[in-house]
């Protein structure tokens, strides 16, 4: 399994995180705007995370503008939105040695740094 990061190249937070990490040459970079995630990639993330909702960003502006907060979304709804638009993926997503790390929390990034060391 390849070590991979799903990120947005135009995202300042993603760029800052990448710059702070050791051994990023061990990662395959996947810019989700340039190359939208495929069903197979999303299914791999789902298997590692246990849910589509865990991968879904409720901070996305599109989430607010579509008023998704007031809808009763199910797992397949989260999957559909994740495949429809890159902004719904909670970024960055790292897959390292068969383990998934989702989002930009400090705790998560420290775990990623340790996994890459």
N, C-alpha and C. Protein backbone atom coordinates (compact mmCIF):
# COMPACT_ATOMS: atom_id res chain seq x y z
N UNK A 1 0.85 -1.19 0.00
CA UNK A 1 0.00 0.00 0.00
C UNK A 1 0.89 1.25 0.00
N UNK A 2 0.57 2.18 -0.88
CA UNK A 2 1.34 3.42 -0.95
C UNK A 2 1.00 4.35 0.20
N UNK A 3 2.00 5.07 0.68
CA UNK A 3 1.75 6.14 1.64
C UNK A 3 1.31 7.34 0.82
N UNK A 4 0.21 7.95 1.22
CA UNK A 4 -0.41 8.95 0.37
C UNK A 4 -0.97 10.09 1.20
N UNK A 5 -0.98 11.28 0.60
CA UNK A 5 -1.68 12.42 1.20
C UNK A 5 -2.67 12.95 0.17
N UNK A 6 -3.91 13.09 0.62
CA UNK A 6 -4.95 13.74 -0.17
C UNK A 6 -5.06 15.15 0.40
N UNK A 7 -4.83 16.14 -0.44
CA UNK A 7 -4.77 17.52 0.05
C UNK A 7 -5.22 18.46 -1.06
N UNK A 8 -5.27 19.74 -0.72
CA UNK A 8 -5.60 20.78 -1.68
C UNK A 8 -4.38 21.68 -1.79
N UNK A 9 -3.77 21.71 -2.96
CA UNK A 9 -2.52 22.46 -3.16
C UNK A 9 -2.69 23.95 -2.87
N UNK A 10 -3.89 24.47 -3.05
CA UNK A 10 -4.13 25.89 -2.82
C UNK A 10 -4.47 26.22 -1.37
N UNK A 11 -4.53 25.21 -0.52
CA UNK A 11 -4.90 25.40 0.89
C UNK A 11 -3.66 25.75 1.72
N UNK A 12 -3.67 26.93 2.33
CA UNK A 12 -2.54 27.37 3.15
C UNK A 12 -2.27 26.41 4.30
N UNK A 13 -3.33 25.92 4.94
CA UNK A 13 -3.17 25.00 6.06
C UNK A 13 -2.49 23.71 5.61
N UNK A 14 -2.92 23.17 4.48
CA UNK A 14 -2.29 21.94 3.95
C UNK A 14 -0.82 22.18 3.65
N UNK A 15 -0.51 23.31 3.01
CA UNK A 15 0.89 23.61 2.67
C UNK A 15 1.75 23.74 3.92
N UNK A 16 1.20 24.42 4.93
CA UNK A 16 1.93 24.60 6.20
C UNK A 16 2.20 23.25 6.87
N UNK A 17 1.21 22.39 6.87
CA UNK A 17 1.35 21.07 7.48
C UNK A 17 2.41 20.26 6.74
N UNK A 18 2.34 20.24 5.43
CA UNK A 18 3.30 19.48 4.62
C UNK A 18 4.72 19.97 4.90
N UNK A 19 4.88 21.29 4.96
CA UNK A 19 6.20 21.88 5.21
C UNK A 19 6.75 21.47 6.58
N UNK A 20 5.85 21.24 7.55
CA UNK A 20 6.28 20.93 8.91
C UNK A 20 6.63 19.46 9.11
N UNK A 21 6.30 18.62 8.16
CA UNK A 21 6.47 17.17 8.34
C UNK A 21 7.83 16.67 7.86
N UNK A 22 8.33 15.63 8.54
CA UNK A 22 9.59 15.01 8.08
C UNK A 22 9.30 14.00 6.96
N UNK A 23 10.30 13.74 6.17
CA UNK A 23 10.26 12.64 5.20
C UNK A 23 9.04 12.63 4.28
N UNK A 24 8.63 13.81 3.81
CA UNK A 24 7.47 13.85 2.92
C UNK A 24 7.76 13.19 1.57
N UNK A 25 9.03 12.91 1.31
CA UNK A 25 9.37 12.19 0.08
C UNK A 25 8.84 10.75 0.11
N UNK A 26 8.39 10.30 1.29
CA UNK A 26 7.80 8.97 1.42
C UNK A 26 6.33 8.96 0.98
N UNK A 27 5.80 10.16 0.68
CA UNK A 27 4.37 10.28 0.37
C UNK A 27 4.13 10.47 -1.12
N UNK A 28 3.04 9.89 -1.58
CA UNK A 28 2.52 10.19 -2.91
C UNK A 28 1.49 11.31 -2.71
N UNK A 29 1.67 12.43 -3.40
CA UNK A 29 0.80 13.59 -3.23
C UNK A 29 -0.36 13.52 -4.22
N UNK A 30 -1.56 13.75 -3.70
CA UNK A 30 -2.77 13.70 -4.52
C UNK A 30 -3.57 14.98 -4.28
N UNK A 31 -3.45 15.92 -5.21
CA UNK A 31 -4.21 17.18 -5.13
C UNK A 31 -5.65 16.89 -5.58
N UNK A 32 -6.57 16.99 -4.64
CA UNK A 32 -7.95 16.58 -4.91
C UNK A 32 -8.70 17.53 -5.84
N UNK A 33 -8.18 18.74 -6.04
CA UNK A 33 -8.82 19.63 -7.01
C UNK A 33 -8.41 19.22 -8.43
N UNK A 34 -7.13 18.95 -8.62
CA UNK A 34 -6.62 18.55 -9.94
C UNK A 34 -7.07 17.14 -10.33
N UNK A 35 -7.09 16.25 -9.35
CA UNK A 35 -7.47 14.85 -9.58
C UNK A 35 -8.50 14.44 -8.54
N UNK A 36 -9.78 14.61 -8.84
CA UNK A 36 -10.81 14.25 -7.87
C UNK A 36 -10.66 12.80 -7.41
N UNK A 37 -11.04 12.57 -6.16
CA UNK A 37 -10.92 11.21 -5.62
C UNK A 37 -11.88 10.28 -6.36
N UNK A 38 -11.44 9.06 -6.54
CA UNK A 38 -12.25 8.06 -7.24
C UNK A 38 -13.08 7.28 -6.24
N UNK A 39 -14.02 6.53 -6.75
CA UNK A 39 -14.83 5.66 -5.89
C UNK A 39 -13.92 4.68 -5.16
N UNK A 40 -12.94 4.11 -5.86
CA UNK A 40 -12.03 3.13 -5.24
C UNK A 40 -11.21 3.78 -4.12
N UNK A 41 -10.71 5.00 -4.35
CA UNK A 41 -9.93 5.69 -3.32
C UNK A 41 -10.80 6.01 -2.11
N UNK A 42 -12.02 6.48 -2.37
CA UNK A 42 -12.93 6.80 -1.26
C UNK A 42 -13.30 5.53 -0.50
N UNK A 43 -13.51 4.44 -1.21
CA UNK A 43 -13.82 3.17 -0.54
C UNK A 43 -12.66 2.70 0.34
N UNK A 44 -11.42 2.92 -0.14
CA UNK A 44 -10.25 2.57 0.68
C UNK A 44 -10.23 3.41 1.96
N UNK A 45 -10.50 4.71 1.83
CA UNK A 45 -10.54 5.59 3.00
C UNK A 45 -11.65 5.16 3.95
N UNK A 46 -12.78 4.77 3.38
CA UNK A 46 -13.92 4.31 4.18
C UNK A 46 -13.54 3.07 4.99
N UNK A 47 -12.88 2.12 4.35
CA UNK A 47 -12.48 0.89 5.04
C UNK A 47 -11.54 1.19 6.20
N UNK A 48 -10.67 2.16 6.01
CA UNK A 48 -9.70 2.50 7.06
C UNK A 48 -10.31 3.35 8.17
N UNK A 49 -11.26 4.21 7.82
CA UNK A 49 -11.83 5.13 8.81
C UNK A 49 -13.10 4.60 9.47
N UNK A 50 -13.80 3.71 8.78
CA UNK A 50 -15.02 3.15 9.36
C UNK A 50 -16.29 3.89 8.99
N UNK A 51 -16.17 5.09 8.39
CA UNK A 51 -17.38 5.80 7.97
C UNK A 51 -17.05 6.90 6.97
N UNK A 52 -18.04 7.22 6.15
CA UNK A 52 -17.89 8.35 5.23
C UNK A 52 -18.01 9.67 5.99
N UNK A 53 -18.83 9.67 7.02
CA UNK A 53 -19.01 10.89 7.80
C UNK A 53 -17.70 11.34 8.43
N UNK A 54 -16.85 10.40 8.84
CA UNK A 54 -15.55 10.74 9.44
C UNK A 54 -14.66 11.48 8.45
N UNK A 55 -14.88 11.26 7.17
CA UNK A 55 -14.08 11.89 6.12
C UNK A 55 -14.67 13.23 5.67
N UNK A 56 -15.87 13.52 6.12
CA UNK A 56 -16.65 14.65 5.62
C UNK A 56 -16.40 15.91 6.44
N UNK A 57 -16.14 17.02 5.76
CA UNK A 57 -15.91 18.29 6.45
C UNK A 57 -17.20 19.08 6.57
N UNK A 58 -17.63 19.27 7.80
CA UNK A 58 -18.82 20.08 8.04
C UNK A 58 -18.47 21.56 8.15
N UNK A 59 -17.18 21.87 7.94
CA UNK A 59 -16.73 23.26 7.93
C UNK A 59 -16.76 23.86 6.53
N UNK A 60 -16.98 23.02 5.53
CA UNK A 60 -16.98 23.48 4.14
C UNK A 60 -18.09 24.51 3.91
N UNK A 61 -17.76 25.56 3.17
CA UNK A 61 -18.76 26.59 2.88
C UNK A 61 -19.95 26.02 2.13
N UNK A 62 -19.68 25.07 1.25
CA UNK A 62 -20.75 24.44 0.48
C UNK A 62 -21.72 23.68 1.40
N UNK A 63 -21.20 23.13 2.49
CA UNK A 63 -22.04 22.45 3.48
C UNK A 63 -23.06 23.43 4.05
N UNK A 64 -22.57 24.63 4.33
CA UNK A 64 -23.45 25.66 4.89
C UNK A 64 -24.41 26.20 3.84
N UNK A 65 -23.89 26.48 2.64
CA UNK A 65 -24.73 27.09 1.61
C UNK A 65 -25.82 26.14 1.11
N UNK A 66 -25.56 24.84 1.14
CA UNK A 66 -26.59 23.86 0.76
C UNK A 66 -27.50 23.50 1.93
N UNK A 67 -27.23 24.10 3.09
CA UNK A 67 -28.01 23.87 4.31
C UNK A 67 -28.07 22.38 4.67
N UNK A 68 -26.93 21.71 4.53
CA UNK A 68 -26.88 20.27 4.81
C UNK A 68 -26.99 19.98 6.30
N UNK A 69 -26.68 20.99 7.12
CA UNK A 69 -26.76 20.82 8.58
C UNK A 69 -28.18 20.42 9.00
N UNK A 70 -29.15 20.95 8.29
CA UNK A 70 -30.55 20.69 8.65
C UNK A 70 -31.15 19.51 7.90
N UNK A 71 -30.31 18.75 7.23
CA UNK A 71 -30.78 17.55 6.55
C UNK A 71 -30.30 16.33 7.34
N UNK A 72 -31.07 15.28 7.30
CA UNK A 72 -30.72 14.05 8.00
C UNK A 72 -29.87 13.18 7.08
N UNK A 73 -28.57 13.48 7.02
CA UNK A 73 -27.67 12.78 6.10
C UNK A 73 -27.31 11.39 6.62
N UNK A 74 -27.32 10.44 5.71
CA UNK A 74 -26.92 9.06 6.00
C UNK A 74 -25.55 8.81 5.37
N UNK A 75 -24.96 7.66 5.67
CA UNK A 75 -23.63 7.32 5.15
C UNK A 75 -23.54 7.46 3.63
N UNK A 76 -24.54 6.97 2.91
CA UNK A 76 -24.50 7.06 1.44
C UNK A 76 -24.61 8.50 0.95
N UNK A 77 -25.28 9.36 1.73
CA UNK A 77 -25.33 10.79 1.38
C UNK A 77 -23.94 11.40 1.51
N UNK A 78 -23.24 11.07 2.60
CA UNK A 78 -21.88 11.59 2.77
C UNK A 78 -20.99 11.12 1.62
N UNK A 79 -21.13 9.87 1.24
CA UNK A 79 -20.33 9.33 0.13
C UNK A 79 -20.62 10.10 -1.15
N UNK A 80 -21.89 10.32 -1.43
CA UNK A 80 -22.30 11.04 -2.64
C UNK A 80 -21.69 12.43 -2.68
N UNK A 81 -21.79 13.17 -1.58
CA UNK A 81 -21.24 14.53 -1.54
C UNK A 81 -19.72 14.52 -1.64
N UNK A 82 -19.06 13.56 -1.00
CA UNK A 82 -17.60 13.46 -1.08
C UNK A 82 -17.14 13.24 -2.52
N UNK A 83 -17.90 12.47 -3.28
CA UNK A 83 -17.54 12.22 -4.67
C UNK A 83 -17.92 13.38 -5.59
N UNK A 84 -18.94 14.15 -5.19
CA UNK A 84 -19.40 15.26 -6.02
C UNK A 84 -18.46 16.45 -5.99
N UNK A 85 -17.91 16.76 -4.82
CA UNK A 85 -17.11 17.99 -4.71
C UNK A 85 -15.98 17.82 -3.70
N UNK A 86 -14.78 18.18 -4.13
CA UNK A 86 -13.58 18.01 -3.30
C UNK A 86 -13.65 18.76 -1.97
N UNK A 87 -14.40 19.83 -1.93
CA UNK A 87 -14.43 20.66 -0.72
C UNK A 87 -14.99 19.91 0.50
N UNK A 88 -15.73 18.84 0.25
CA UNK A 88 -16.33 18.10 1.36
C UNK A 88 -15.36 17.15 2.07
N UNK A 89 -14.19 16.91 1.49
CA UNK A 89 -13.22 16.03 2.15
C UNK A 89 -12.50 16.80 3.25
N UNK A 90 -12.51 16.25 4.44
CA UNK A 90 -11.80 16.86 5.56
C UNK A 90 -10.30 16.69 5.30
N UNK A 91 -9.61 17.80 5.10
CA UNK A 91 -8.22 17.74 4.64
C UNK A 91 -7.24 18.15 5.74
N UNK A 92 -6.02 17.68 5.55
CA UNK A 92 -5.57 16.64 4.63
C UNK A 92 -5.92 15.26 5.16
N UNK A 93 -5.90 14.29 4.26
CA UNK A 93 -6.07 12.89 4.64
C UNK A 93 -4.76 12.18 4.29
N UNK A 94 -4.18 11.54 5.29
CA UNK A 94 -2.96 10.76 5.10
C UNK A 94 -3.29 9.29 5.23
N UNK A 95 -2.71 8.48 4.37
CA UNK A 95 -2.74 7.02 4.54
C UNK A 95 -1.28 6.59 4.60
N UNK A 96 -0.89 6.12 5.78
CA UNK A 96 0.51 5.74 6.02
C UNK A 96 0.53 4.35 6.65
N UNK A 97 1.21 3.45 5.98
CA UNK A 97 1.35 2.07 6.46
C UNK A 97 0.00 1.45 6.85
N UNK A 98 -1.01 1.69 6.01
CA UNK A 98 -2.32 1.09 6.23
C UNK A 98 -3.16 1.74 7.31
N UNK A 99 -2.73 2.90 7.80
CA UNK A 99 -3.50 3.63 8.82
C UNK A 99 -3.90 4.98 8.24
N UNK A 100 -5.09 5.45 8.60
CA UNK A 100 -5.59 6.72 8.07
C UNK A 100 -5.56 7.80 9.14
N UNK A 101 -5.22 9.01 8.71
CA UNK A 101 -5.18 10.19 9.57
C UNK A 101 -5.98 11.26 8.84
N UNK A 102 -7.05 11.73 9.48
CA UNK A 102 -7.98 12.64 8.82
C UNK A 102 -7.98 14.00 9.52
N UNK A 103 -7.78 15.05 8.73
CA UNK A 103 -7.93 16.41 9.24
C UNK A 103 -6.65 17.03 9.72
N UNK A 104 -6.78 18.26 10.21
CA UNK A 104 -5.61 19.07 10.52
C UNK A 104 -5.43 19.37 12.00
N UNK A 105 -6.02 18.56 12.87
CA UNK A 105 -5.83 18.83 14.30
C UNK A 105 -4.36 18.63 14.66
N UNK A 106 -3.91 19.35 15.66
CA UNK A 106 -2.51 19.27 16.07
C UNK A 106 -2.14 17.84 16.48
N UNK A 107 -3.03 17.18 17.21
CA UNK A 107 -2.79 15.80 17.65
C UNK A 107 -2.61 14.89 16.44
N UNK A 108 -3.46 15.05 15.46
CA UNK A 108 -3.40 14.23 14.25
C UNK A 108 -2.08 14.45 13.50
N UNK A 109 -1.67 15.70 13.36
CA UNK A 109 -0.44 16.02 12.62
C UNK A 109 0.78 15.49 13.37
N UNK A 110 0.76 15.52 14.70
CA UNK A 110 1.85 14.93 15.48
C UNK A 110 1.94 13.43 15.24
N UNK A 111 0.79 12.76 15.15
CA UNK A 111 0.77 11.32 14.86
C UNK A 111 1.30 11.03 13.46
N UNK A 112 0.96 11.89 12.50
CA UNK A 112 1.47 11.73 11.13
C UNK A 112 2.98 11.90 11.11
N UNK A 113 3.48 12.92 11.81
CA UNK A 113 4.92 13.16 11.87
C UNK A 113 5.64 11.95 12.45
N UNK A 114 5.06 11.37 13.50
CA UNK A 114 5.66 10.18 14.12
C UNK A 114 5.65 9.00 13.15
N UNK A 115 4.55 8.85 12.41
CA UNK A 115 4.44 7.74 11.46
C UNK A 115 5.43 7.88 10.31
N UNK A 116 5.78 9.12 9.96
CA UNK A 116 6.71 9.36 8.85
C UNK A 116 8.17 9.31 9.29
N UNK A 117 8.41 9.36 10.60
CA UNK A 117 9.79 9.40 11.11
C UNK A 117 10.49 8.06 10.98
